């Protein structure tokens, strides 16, 4: 059994020790907002927060999470930074196909949490590991800037 703290709730799941957190979230806990993209931690679609830091859940064995707090896209709006990012995403209509957006939002919320007023270079650095096939990068940057002003 693996014990996890996800979105403020405690879970015990029967899973192999090497099962990635992504699959525990999606397949065992039915939290489908975190997406599978590449499976090698390069695209960012699977980004979640572990103790407030963005991590790629596709490569993180769930057994390695331990008692650390995991936040997924389903609960990011409970934090001020997450609410601000989600609102900016809606106001600026960032989403095109939407597949990568949960990972984009998770990375952006972590950035705003640690730096409420990032400049372009800081935005680029924080978002560099998140790929958007629809190339909504300009809208993503604008939304982060909007969230930082609110």
Protein backbone atom coordinates (compact mmCIF):
# COMPACT_ATOMS: atom_id res chain seq x y z
CA UNK A 1 0.00 0.00 0.00
CA UNK A 2 1.15 3.51 -0.82
CA UNK A 3 -0.12 6.39 1.32
CA UNK A 4 -0.45 9.77 -0.36
CA UNK A 5 -1.69 13.27 0.53
CA UNK A 6 -3.39 14.60 -2.60
CA UNK A 7 -5.34 17.84 -2.74
CA UNK A 8 -5.65 17.88 1.03
CA UNK A 9 -7.00 14.33 1.30
CA UNK A 10 -5.26 11.17 2.44
CA UNK A 11 -5.32 8.16 0.15
CA UNK A 12 -4.02 4.61 0.42
CA UNK A 13 -3.60 2.86 -2.90
CA UNK A 14 -2.54 -0.62 -3.88
CA UNK A 15 0.13 -0.01 -6.50
CA UNK A 16 3.61 -1.22 -7.40
CA UNK A 17 6.36 0.89 -5.82
CA UNK A 18 7.60 1.97 -9.26
CA UNK A 19 4.19 3.07 -10.58
CA UNK A 20 4.45 6.73 -11.65
CA UNK A 21 2.36 9.21 -9.72
CA UNK A 22 0.63 10.15 -12.98
CA UNK A 23 -0.94 6.71 -13.31
CA UNK A 24 -1.90 6.58 -9.64
CA UNK A 25 -3.69 9.91 -10.09
CA UNK A 26 -5.41 9.02 -13.35
CA UNK A 27 -6.05 5.30 -13.11
CA UNK A 28 -6.41 4.60 -9.40
CA UNK A 29 -7.81 7.88 -8.04
CA UNK A 30 -9.74 8.99 -11.15
CA UNK A 31 -8.12 12.45 -11.16
CA UNK A 32 -8.03 12.87 -14.93
CA UNK A 33 -6.95 16.52 -15.15
CA UNK A 34 -3.25 15.68 -15.14
CA UNK A 35 -2.37 14.57 -18.66
CA UNK A 36 0.03 12.06 -20.16
CA UNK A 37 2.11 13.70 -22.84
CA UNK A 38 5.51 12.20 -23.55
CA UNK A 39 6.24 9.85 -20.65
CA UNK A 40 9.83 11.11 -20.33
CA UNK A 41 9.30 14.36 -18.36
CA UNK A 42 10.01 16.58 -21.36
CA UNK A 43 6.64 18.11 -22.31
CA UNK A 44 5.16 19.24 -18.97
CA UNK A 45 1.60 17.98 -19.57
CA UNK A 46 1.82 15.85 -16.41
CA UNK A 47 2.96 18.67 -14.10
CA UNK A 48 1.66 18.61 -10.52
CA UNK A 49 2.92 20.31 -7.38
CA UNK A 50 4.75 18.37 -4.69
CA UNK A 51 5.10 20.57 -1.62
CA UNK A 52 4.39 23.57 -3.85
CA UNK A 53 7.07 22.80 -6.44
CA UNK A 54 6.19 21.78 -9.99
CA UNK A 55 7.23 18.22 -10.83
CA UNK A 56 6.63 15.87 -13.74
CA UNK A 57 4.40 13.11 -12.42
CA UNK A 58 5.06 10.74 -15.33
CA UNK A 59 8.55 9.93 -14.03
CA UNK A 60 8.02 10.24 -10.26
CA UNK A 61 7.31 6.89 -8.59
CA UNK A 62 4.31 7.34 -6.32
CA UNK A 63 6.10 5.45 -3.56
CA UNK A 64 8.77 8.17 -3.53
CA UNK A 65 6.26 10.92 -2.74
CA UNK A 66 5.82 9.81 0.85
CA UNK A 67 3.93 12.25 3.07
CA UNK A 68 4.63 15.29 0.89
CA UNK A 69 1.60 17.29 -0.24
CA UNK A 70 0.55 16.75 -3.86
CA UNK A 71 -1.64 19.33 -5.58
CA UNK A 72 -3.21 18.61 -8.95
CA UNK A 73 -5.09 20.81 -11.41
CA UNK A 74 -8.34 19.76 -9.75
CA UNK A 75 -7.37 21.70 -6.59
CA UNK A 76 -5.05 24.46 -7.83
CA UNK A 77 -7.92 26.98 -7.70
CA UNK A 78 -8.02 26.60 -3.92
CA UNK A 79 -4.76 28.58 -3.75
CA UNK A 80 -4.69 32.30 -4.47
CA UNK A 81 -1.97 31.92 -7.11
CA UNK A 82 -3.95 29.16 -8.82
CA UNK A 83 -7.18 31.20 -8.81
CA UNK A 84 -5.37 34.18 -10.33
CA UNK A 85 -3.78 32.06 -13.05
CA UNK A 86 -7.04 30.29 -13.90
CA UNK A 87 -8.91 33.59 -14.09
CA UNK A 88 -6.25 35.12 -16.35
CA UNK A 89 -6.36 32.02 -18.59
CA UNK A 90 -10.11 32.51 -18.99
CA UNK A 91 -9.98 36.27 -19.49
CA UNK A 92 -7.34 36.00 -22.22
CA UNK A 93 -8.77 32.82 -23.76
CA UNK A 94 -5.39 31.10 -23.61
CA UNK A 95 -6.67 27.61 -24.37
CA UNK A 96 -6.76 26.35 -27.92
CA UNK A 97 -6.86 22.54 -27.97
CA UNK A 98 -6.33 22.51 -24.20
CA UNK A 99 -4.35 19.29 -23.85
CA UNK A 100 -1.24 20.86 -22.32
CA UNK A 101 -3.05 23.52 -20.33
CA UNK A 102 -3.29 21.74 -16.98
CA UNK A 103 0.49 21.40 -16.97
CA UNK A 104 0.92 24.99 -18.16
CA UNK A 105 -1.36 26.26 -15.39
CA UNK A 106 0.45 24.21 -12.74
CA UNK A 107 3.84 25.61 -13.79
CA UNK A 108 2.48 29.16 -14.00
CA UNK A 109 0.81 28.93 -10.59
CA UNK A 110 4.07 27.72 -9.02
CA UNK A 111 5.89 30.66 -10.61
CA UNK A 112 3.35 33.22 -9.31
CA UNK A 113 3.45 31.59 -5.87
CA UNK A 114 7.22 32.02 -5.53
CA UNK A 115 7.51 35.26 -7.53
CA UNK A 116 4.33 37.37 -7.63
CA UNK A 117 5.78 39.73 -10.25
CA UNK A 118 7.99 37.82 -12.71
CA UNK A 119 9.67 39.48 -15.68
CA UNK A 120 9.81 37.95 -19.16
CA UNK A 121 13.05 36.07 -18.51
CA UNK A 122 11.66 34.55 -15.31
CA UNK A 123 8.46 33.55 -17.11
CA UNK A 124 10.46 31.96 -19.92
CA UNK A 125 12.64 30.04 -17.47
CA UNK A 126 9.69 28.77 -15.43
CA UNK A 127 7.68 27.75 -18.48
CA UNK A 128 10.53 26.36 -20.60
CA UNK A 129 9.67 22.74 -19.87
CA UNK A 130 6.06 23.05 -20.97
CA UNK A 131 5.35 22.40 -24.63
CA UNK A 132 2.22 23.68 -26.36
CA UNK A 133 1.60 22.14 -29.77
CA UNK A 134 -0.86 24.93 -30.56
CA UNK A 135 1.83 27.53 -29.82
CA UNK A 136 -0.22 29.63 -27.42
CA UNK A 137 2.99 30.86 -25.80
CA UNK A 138 2.23 34.57 -26.29
CA UNK A 139 -1.18 34.18 -24.61
CA UNK A 140 0.36 32.11 -21.82
CA UNK A 141 2.93 34.84 -21.12
CA UNK A 142 0.22 37.53 -21.25
CA UNK A 143 -1.93 35.55 -18.81
CA UNK A 144 0.95 35.15 -16.37
CA UNK A 145 1.57 38.89 -16.55
CA UNK A 146 -2.14 39.58 -16.00
CA UNK A 147 -2.21 37.24 -12.99
CA UNK A 148 0.84 38.94 -11.56
CA UNK A 149 -0.91 42.32 -11.67
CA UNK A 150 -4.12 41.15 -9.97
